[in-house]
Amino acid sequence: MTDEHEGQRPEDDAARLGLVVVGEAAALHSGDEAALDASEQNIRDTIDEMIDEPLTPRQEQVVERLASAGGTLTAGLSGALAAQTGRSVDDILEGAARSVVWQQRLADQRDAESGDRSHGAGHGQREDAGGQQREHRNDDGRDED
């Protein structure tokens, strides 16, 4: 059996899942039932595309609920952070999505620098994904612009 995901990096899958979770949080904050339904379908579709072998119905439910729970946590934390900083929830969620993409770019950069994609250079290391956002903030955590 050939692995259709051979050569695909875990960082890419993690980024896709991270963006799905942020999408779920945005749908929860919108209060739009259609957006929530679309987000939940996106969770299912993303998981289906990422797995190598079909999940059992129970495994599928667990994975979907984990992604949904991640979205719920992200929504709650985004709301709290927005209230504390005076920023909109949309701004916070946009920053979360940028951080996910930033992590993937850092992984791409590490792989390119090492020239060895198969061994996952930098495996296990995490970068400070929030750093690109904090660079432009004053002591109160607000943009200096």
N, C-alpha and C. Protein backbone atom coordinates (compact mmCIF):
# COMPACT_ATOMS: atom_id res chain seq x y z
N MET A 1 0.84 -1.19 0.00
CA MET A 1 0.00 0.00 0.00
C MET A 1 0.88 1.24 0.00
N THR A 2 0.66 2.12 -0.92
CA THR A 2 1.43 3.35 -0.97
C THR A 2 0.81 4.40 -0.08
N ASP A 3 1.65 5.15 0.51
CA ASP A 3 1.20 6.22 1.40
C ASP A 3 1.02 7.48 0.58
N GLU A 4 -0.25 7.89 0.41
CA GLU A 4 -0.51 9.07 -0.40
C GLU A 4 0.00 10.35 0.23
N HIS A 5 0.36 10.28 1.52
CA HIS A 5 0.85 11.46 2.23
C HIS A 5 2.37 11.43 2.39
N GLU A 6 3.02 10.50 1.70
CA GLU A 6 4.46 10.39 1.80
C GLU A 6 5.11 11.70 1.39
N GLY A 7 6.05 12.15 2.17
CA GLY A 7 6.76 13.39 1.88
C GLY A 7 6.07 14.63 2.44
N GLN A 8 4.85 14.45 2.91
CA GLN A 8 4.15 15.59 3.51
C GLN A 8 4.63 15.76 4.94
N ARG A 9 4.94 16.99 5.29
CA ARG A 9 5.51 17.25 6.59
C ARG A 9 4.42 17.40 7.66
N PRO A 10 4.71 16.96 8.86
CA PRO A 10 3.76 17.15 9.96
C PRO A 10 3.45 18.63 10.20
N GLU A 11 4.41 19.50 9.93
CA GLU A 11 4.19 20.94 10.12
C GLU A 11 3.08 21.46 9.20
N ASP A 12 3.01 20.90 7.99
CA ASP A 12 1.96 21.31 7.05
C ASP A 12 0.59 20.87 7.55
N ASP A 13 0.52 19.63 8.03
CA ASP A 13 -0.74 19.13 8.58
C ASP A 13 -1.14 19.92 9.81
N ALA A 14 -0.18 20.22 10.66
CA ALA A 14 -0.47 20.98 11.88
C ALA A 14 -0.98 22.38 11.53
N ALA A 15 -0.40 22.99 10.51
CA ALA A 15 -0.86 24.32 10.09
C ALA A 15 -2.29 24.26 9.57
N ARG A 16 -2.58 23.25 8.77
CA ARG A 16 -3.96 23.10 8.27
C ARG A 16 -4.93 22.93 9.43
N LEU A 17 -4.59 22.08 10.37
CA LEU A 17 -5.48 21.87 11.52
C LEU A 17 -5.60 23.14 12.36
N GLY A 18 -4.50 23.85 12.53
CA GLY A 18 -4.54 25.11 13.28
C GLY A 18 -5.49 26.11 12.66
N LEU A 19 -5.44 26.21 11.34
CA LEU A 19 -6.33 27.14 10.65
C LEU A 19 -7.79 26.68 10.72
N VAL A 20 -8.01 25.37 10.73
CA VAL A 20 -9.36 24.85 10.90
C VAL A 20 -9.90 25.22 12.27
N VAL A 21 -9.06 25.13 13.29
CA VAL A 21 -9.47 25.49 14.65
C VAL A 21 -9.78 26.98 14.74
N VAL A 22 -8.95 27.81 14.13
CA VAL A 22 -9.22 29.25 14.13
C VAL A 22 -10.53 29.53 13.38
N GLY A 23 -10.77 28.81 12.30
CA GLY A 23 -12.03 28.96 11.56
C GLY A 23 -13.23 28.58 12.41
N GLU A 24 -13.09 27.54 13.20
CA GLU A 24 -14.17 27.13 14.11
C GLU A 24 -14.41 28.22 15.15
N ALA A 25 -13.35 28.81 15.67
CA ALA A 25 -13.49 29.89 16.65
C ALA A 25 -14.20 31.09 16.02
N ALA A 26 -13.84 31.43 14.80
CA ALA A 26 -14.48 32.56 14.12
C ALA A 26 -15.97 32.27 13.90
N ALA A 27 -16.29 31.04 13.53
CA ALA A 27 -17.69 30.67 13.32
C ALA A 27 -18.47 30.75 14.63
N LEU A 28 -17.86 30.32 15.72
CA LEU A 28 -18.52 30.40 17.02
C LEU A 28 -18.79 31.85 17.42
N HIS A 29 -17.82 32.71 17.18
CA HIS A 29 -17.98 34.12 17.52
C HIS A 29 -19.00 34.82 16.63
N SER A 30 -19.14 34.35 15.41
CA SER A 30 -20.07 35.00 14.49
C SER A 30 -21.52 34.78 14.89
N GLY A 31 -21.77 33.65 15.55
CA GLY A 31 -23.14 33.33 15.92
C GLY A 31 -23.99 32.90 14.74
N ASP A 32 -23.39 32.74 13.58
CA ASP A 32 -24.09 32.35 12.36
C ASP A 32 -24.13 30.83 12.26
N GLU A 33 -25.33 30.28 12.27
CA GLU A 33 -25.51 28.83 12.22
C GLU A 33 -24.93 28.23 10.95
N ALA A 34 -25.08 28.92 9.83
CA ALA A 34 -24.53 28.42 8.56
C ALA A 34 -23.00 28.39 8.60
N ALA A 35 -22.40 29.42 9.20
CA ALA A 35 -20.94 29.46 9.31
C ALA A 35 -20.45 28.32 10.21
N LEU A 36 -21.18 28.06 11.27
CA LEU A 36 -20.80 26.97 12.18
C LEU A 36 -20.92 25.61 11.48
N ASP A 37 -22.00 25.41 10.74
CA ASP A 37 -22.17 24.17 9.98
C ASP A 37 -21.04 24.00 8.96
N ALA A 38 -20.70 25.08 8.27
CA ALA A 38 -19.62 25.03 7.27
C ALA A 38 -18.28 24.72 7.94
N SER A 39 -18.07 25.30 9.10
CA SER A 39 -16.82 25.05 9.82
C SER A 39 -16.72 23.59 10.26
N GLU A 40 -17.81 23.06 10.77
CA GLU A 40 -17.81 21.66 11.19
C GLU A 40 -17.59 20.72 10.00
N GLN A 41 -18.17 21.07 8.85
CA GLN A 41 -17.93 20.27 7.65
C GLN A 41 -16.46 20.39 7.22
N ASN A 42 -15.88 21.57 7.38
CA ASN A 42 -14.47 21.78 7.06
C ASN A 42 -13.58 20.91 7.95
N ILE A 43 -13.95 20.78 9.22
CA ILE A 43 -13.21 19.90 10.13
C ILE A 43 -13.23 18.48 9.58
N ARG A 44 -14.42 17.99 9.25
CA ARG A 44 -14.55 16.61 8.74
C ARG A 44 -13.76 16.43 7.44
N ASP A 45 -13.90 17.38 6.52
CA ASP A 45 -13.21 17.26 5.23
C ASP A 45 -11.69 17.28 5.40
N THR A 46 -11.20 18.16 6.25
CA THR A 46 -9.76 18.26 6.48
C THR A 46 -9.21 16.97 7.07
N ILE A 47 -9.90 16.44 8.04
CA ILE A 47 -9.46 15.18 8.66
C ILE A 47 -9.48 14.05 7.64
N ASP A 48 -10.55 13.97 6.85
CA ASP A 48 -10.64 12.93 5.82
C ASP A 48 -9.48 13.00 4.84
N GLU A 49 -9.06 14.21 4.49
CA GLU A 49 -7.97 14.39 3.54
C GLU A 49 -6.61 14.05 4.14
N MET A 50 -6.50 14.13 5.46
CA MET A 50 -5.20 13.96 6.11
C MET A 50 -4.90 12.52 6.53
N ILE A 51 -5.92 11.72 6.69
CA ILE A 51 -5.68 10.38 7.22
C ILE A 51 -5.27 9.41 6.12
N ASP A 52 -4.47 8.42 6.49
CA ASP A 52 -4.00 7.43 5.54
C ASP A 52 -4.96 6.25 5.42
N GLU A 53 -5.61 5.92 6.50
CA GLU A 53 -6.57 4.82 6.52
C GLU A 53 -7.85 5.32 7.18
N PRO A 54 -8.97 4.78 6.75
CA PRO A 54 -10.24 5.24 7.34
C PRO A 54 -10.25 5.07 8.86
N LEU A 55 -10.80 6.06 9.53
CA LEU A 55 -10.96 5.97 10.98
C LEU A 55 -12.22 5.19 11.30
N THR A 56 -12.23 4.60 12.46
CA THR A 56 -13.47 3.99 12.93
C THR A 56 -14.44 5.13 13.23
N PRO A 57 -15.72 4.85 13.26
CA PRO A 57 -16.67 5.92 13.59
C PRO A 57 -16.34 6.61 14.93
N ARG A 58 -15.93 5.85 15.92
CA ARG A 58 -15.57 6.44 17.22
C ARG A 58 -14.35 7.33 17.10
N GLN A 59 -13.32 6.87 16.39
CA GLN A 59 -12.12 7.69 16.20
C GLN A 59 -12.46 8.99 15.48
N GLU A 60 -13.32 8.88 14.48
CA GLU A 60 -13.72 10.07 13.74
C GLU A 60 -14.43 11.07 14.65
N GLN A 61 -15.32 10.58 15.50
CA GLN A 61 -16.02 11.45 16.44
C GLN A 61 -15.06 12.12 17.41
N VAL A 62 -14.10 11.36 17.91
CA VAL A 62 -13.13 11.90 18.86
C VAL A 62 -12.29 13.00 18.20
N VAL A 63 -11.81 12.75 17.00
CA VAL A 63 -10.98 13.74 16.31
C VAL A 63 -11.79 15.00 16.00
N GLU A 64 -13.03 14.82 15.54
CA GLU A 64 -13.88 15.98 15.26
C GLU A 64 -14.15 16.77 16.53
N ARG A 65 -14.38 16.09 17.62
CA ARG A 65 -14.65 16.79 18.88
C ARG A 65 -13.41 17.48 19.42
N LEU A 66 -12.25 16.89 19.19
CA LEU A 66 -11.01 17.57 19.59
C LEU A 66 -10.83 18.87 18.81
N ALA A 67 -11.06 18.83 17.52
CA ALA A 67 -10.94 20.04 16.71
C ALA A 67 -11.98 21.07 17.13
N SER A 68 -13.18 20.62 17.39
CA SER A 68 -14.24 21.53 17.83
C SER A 68 -13.91 22.12 19.20
N ALA A 69 -13.39 21.29 20.10
CA ALA A 69 -12.99 21.79 21.42
C ALA A 69 -11.87 22.81 21.30
N GLY A 70 -10.94 22.56 20.40
CA GLY A 70 -9.87 23.53 20.16
C GLY A 70 -10.44 24.86 19.69
N GLY A 71 -11.44 24.80 18.82
CA GLY A 71 -12.10 26.01 18.36
C GLY A 71 -12.82 26.73 19.49
N THR A 72 -13.45 25.96 20.36
CA THR A 72 -14.15 26.56 21.50
C THR A 72 -13.16 27.25 22.44
N LEU A 73 -12.06 26.58 22.72
CA LEU A 73 -11.02 27.19 23.56
C LEU A 73 -10.45 28.45 22.91
N THR A 74 -10.18 28.36 21.63
CA THR A 74 -9.65 29.52 20.91
C THR A 74 -10.64 30.67 20.93
N ALA A 75 -11.92 30.36 20.75
CA ALA A 75 -12.95 31.40 20.78
C ALA A 75 -13.01 32.06 22.15
N GLY A 76 -13.00 31.26 23.19
CA GLY A 76 -13.06 31.82 24.54
C GLY A 76 -11.85 32.66 24.89
N LEU A 77 -10.68 32.15 24.58
CA LEU A 77 -9.46 32.90 24.87
C LEU A 77 -9.37 34.16 24.02
N SER A 78 -9.81 34.08 22.78
CA SER A 78 -9.80 35.26 21.91
C SER A 78 -10.74 36.34 22.44
N GLY A 79 -11.91 35.91 22.90
CA GLY A 79 -12.86 36.86 23.48
C GLY A 79 -12.31 37.53 24.72
N ALA A 80 -11.69 36.74 25.57
CA ALA A 80 -11.11 37.30 26.79
C ALA A 80 -9.97 38.25 26.47
N LEU A 81 -9.11 37.87 25.54
CA LEU A 81 -7.98 38.73 25.17
C LEU A 81 -8.47 40.01 24.50
N ALA A 82 -9.51 39.89 23.68
CA ALA A 82 -10.07 41.07 23.04
C ALA A 82 -10.64 42.03 24.08
N ALA A 83 -11.34 41.50 25.06
CA ALA A 83 -11.91 42.35 26.11
C ALA A 83 -10.82 43.02 26.94
N GLN A 84 -9.75 42.29 27.21
CA GLN A 84 -8.67 42.84 28.03
C GLN A 84 -7.84 43.89 27.29
N THR A 85 -7.67 43.71 25.99
CA THR A 85 -6.79 44.61 25.24
C THR A 85 -7.54 45.71 24.50
N GLY A 86 -8.86 45.60 24.45
CA GLY A 86 -9.63 46.60 23.72
C GLY A 86 -9.61 46.40 22.22
N ARG A 87 -9.15 45.27 21.78
CA ARG A 87 -9.12 44.96 20.34
C ARG A 87 -10.34 44.12 20.00
N SER A 88 -10.63 44.00 18.72
CA SER A 88 -11.77 43.18 18.31
C SER A 88 -11.37 41.70 18.31
N VAL A 89 -12.37 40.84 18.48
CA VAL A 89 -12.14 39.41 18.41
C VAL A 89 -11.59 39.04 17.03
N ASP A 90 -12.10 39.69 16.00
CA ASP A 90 -11.60 39.42 14.64
C ASP A 90 -10.10 39.69 14.53
N ASP A 91 -9.63 40.77 15.17
CA ASP A 91 -8.20 41.08 15.16
C ASP A 91 -7.40 39.97 15.86
N ILE A 92 -7.92 39.51 16.97
CA ILE A 92 -7.23 38.47 17.74
C ILE A 92 -7.18 37.18 16.93
N LEU A 93 -8.29 36.79 16.32
CA LEU A 93 -8.32 35.56 15.53
C LEU A 93 -7.44 35.68 14.29
N GLU A 94 -7.40 36.86 13.70
CA GLU A 94 -6.51 37.09 12.57
C GLU A 94 -5.06 36.90 13.01
N GLY A 95 -4.73 37.40 14.18
CA GLY A 95 -3.38 37.22 14.72
C GLY A 95 -3.08 35.75 14.97
N ALA A 96 -4.06 35.01 15.44
CA ALA A 96 -3.87 33.57 15.66
C ALA A 96 -3.59 32.86 14.33
N ALA A 97 -4.35 33.21 13.31
CA ALA A 97 -4.13 32.60 11.99
C ALA A 97 -2.75 32.96 11.45
N ARG A 98 -2.34 34.23 11.63
CA ARG A 98 -1.00 34.64 11.18
C ARG A 98 0.08 33.85 11.92
N SER A 99 -0.15 33.58 13.20
CA SER A 99 0.83 32.81 13.96
C SER A 99 0.96 31.39 13.45
N VAL A 100 -0.16 30.79 13.06
CA VAL A 100 -0.13 29.43 12.50
C VAL A 100 0.68 29.43 11.21
N VAL A 101 0.40 30.39 10.35
CA VAL A 101 1.11 30.48 9.07
C VAL A 101 2.59 30.78 9.32
N TRP A 102 2.87 31.63 10.29
CA TRP A 102 4.25 31.98 10.64
C TRP A 102 5.03 30.74 11.07
N GLN A 103 4.41 29.88 11.88
CA GLN A 103 5.07 28.64 12.31
C GLN A 103 5.42 27.77 11.11
N GLN A 104 4.50 27.67 10.17
CA GLN A 104 4.76 26.86 8.99
C GLN A 104 5.90 27.46 8.17
N ARG A 105 5.94 28.77 8.04
CA ARG A 105 7.03 29.41 7.29
C ARG A 105 8.36 29.20 7.97
N LEU A 106 8.38 29.25 9.30
CA LEU A 106 9.63 28.99 10.03
C LEU A 106 10.11 27.57 9.78
N ALA A 107 9.17 26.63 9.75
CA ALA A 107 9.53 25.24 9.46
C ALA A 107 10.07 25.12 8.04
N ASP A 108 9.44 25.80 7.09
CA ASP A 108 9.93 25.80 5.71
C ASP A 108 11.35 26.35 5.65
N GLN A 109 11.57 27.44 6.37
CA GLN A 109 12.88 28.08 6.36
C GLN A 109 13.94 27.14 6.97
N ARG A 110 13.60 26.49 8.08
CA ARG A 110 14.55 25.55 8.69
C ARG A 110 14.88 24.42 7.72
N ASP A 111 13.84 23.91 7.05
CA ASP A 111 14.07 22.82 6.10
C ASP A 111 14.94 23.28 4.93
N ALA A 112 14.68 24.47 4.44
CA ALA A 112 15.46 24.99 3.32
C ALA A 112 16.92 25.21 3.72
N GLU A 113 17.12 25.72 4.92
CA GLU A 113 18.48 25.98 5.39
C GLU A 113 19.26 24.69 5.61
N SER A 114 18.57 23.66 6.05
CA SER A 114 19.26 22.40 6.32
C SER A 114 19.44 21.59 5.05
N GLY A 115 18.57 21.82 4.07
CA GLY A 115 18.66 21.06 2.84
C GLY A 115 18.23 19.63 2.99
N ASP A 116 17.60 19.31 4.13
CA ASP A 116 17.22 17.93 4.40
C ASP A 116 15.78 17.88 4.89
N ARG A 117 14.82 17.79 3.99
CA ARG A 117 13.41 17.76 4.36
C ARG A 117 13.03 16.42 5.00
N SER A 118 13.74 15.38 4.68
CA SER A 118 13.33 14.05 5.16
C SER A 118 13.59 13.85 6.64
N HIS A 119 14.54 14.56 7.21
CA HIS A 119 14.83 14.38 8.63
C HIS A 119 14.18 15.43 9.51
N GLY A 120 13.43 16.36 8.92
CA GLY A 120 12.70 17.34 9.71
C GLY A 120 13.61 18.17 10.60
N ALA A 121 14.53 18.88 10.00
CA ALA A 121 15.46 19.71 10.77
C ALA A 121 14.70 20.59 11.74
N GLY A 122 15.22 20.69 12.92
CA GLY A 122 14.58 21.52 13.93
C GLY A 122 13.42 20.81 14.58
N HIS A 123 13.28 19.51 14.34
CA HIS A 123 12.16 18.75 14.90
C HIS A 123 12.12 18.93 16.42
N GLY A 124 10.95 19.22 16.90
CA GLY A 124 10.78 19.38 18.34
C GLY A 124 11.05 20.78 18.84
N GLN A 125 11.54 21.65 17.99
CA GLN A 125 11.80 23.02 18.40
C GLN A 125 10.61 23.89 18.07
N ARG A 126 10.32 24.83 18.94
CA ARG A 126 9.23 25.77 18.68
C ARG A 126 9.79 27.17 18.63
N GLU A 127 9.26 27.92 17.73
CA GLU A 127 9.63 29.32 17.62
C GLU A 127 8.59 30.15 18.34
N ASP A 128 8.92 31.36 18.64
CA ASP A 128 7.98 32.28 19.27
C ASP A 128 7.13 32.91 18.18
N ALA A 129 6.00 32.27 17.88
CA ALA A 129 5.16 32.72 16.77
C ALA A 129 4.52 34.07 17.06
N GLY A 130 4.37 34.44 18.31
CA GLY A 130 3.78 35.73 18.64
C GLY A 130 4.75 36.87 18.50
N GLY A 131 6.01 36.56 18.34
CA GLY A 131 7.04 37.60 18.26
C GLY A 131 6.83 38.59 17.13
N GLN A 132 6.36 38.10 15.99
CA GLN A 132 6.16 39.02 14.87
C GLN A 132 5.05 39.99 15.16
N GLN A 133 4.15 39.68 16.08
CA GLN A 133 3.09 40.61 16.43
C GLN A 133 3.53 41.56 17.52
N ARG A 134 4.26 41.06 18.50
CA ARG A 134 4.68 41.90 19.62
C ARG A 134 5.66 42.99 19.23
N GLU A 135 6.39 42.77 18.15
CA GLU A 135 7.39 43.76 17.74
C GLU A 135 6.78 45.13 17.49
N HIS A 136 5.50 45.19 17.19
CA HIS A 136 4.86 46.44 16.82
C HIS A 136 3.90 46.93 17.91
N ARG A 137 4.14 46.52 19.14
CA ARG A 137 3.22 46.89 20.20
C ARG A 137 3.94 47.71 21.26
N ASN A 138 3.20 48.60 21.90
CA ASN A 138 3.78 49.40 22.98
C ASN A 138 3.68 48.61 24.29
N ASP A 139 4.01 49.24 25.41
CA ASP A 139 4.00 48.55 26.69
C ASP A 139 2.61 48.10 27.12
N ASP A 140 1.56 48.70 26.58
CA ASP A 140 0.19 48.31 26.91
C ASP A 140 -0.31 47.17 26.04
N GLY A 141 0.50 46.67 25.13
CA GLY A 141 0.11 45.59 24.25
C GLY A 141 -0.67 46.05 23.03
N ARG A 142 -0.71 47.34 22.79
CA ARG A 142 -1.45 47.87 21.64
C ARG A 142 -0.48 48.24 20.53
N ASP A 143 -1.00 48.21 19.31
CA ASP A 143 -0.18 48.58 18.16
C ASP A 143 0.34 50.00 18.31
N GLU A 144 1.58 50.21 17.91
CA GLU A 144 2.18 51.55 18.02
C GLU A 144 1.81 52.42 16.84
N ASP A 145 1.22 51.85 15.80
CA ASP A 145 0.88 52.61 14.59
C ASP A 145 0.02 53.79 14.89
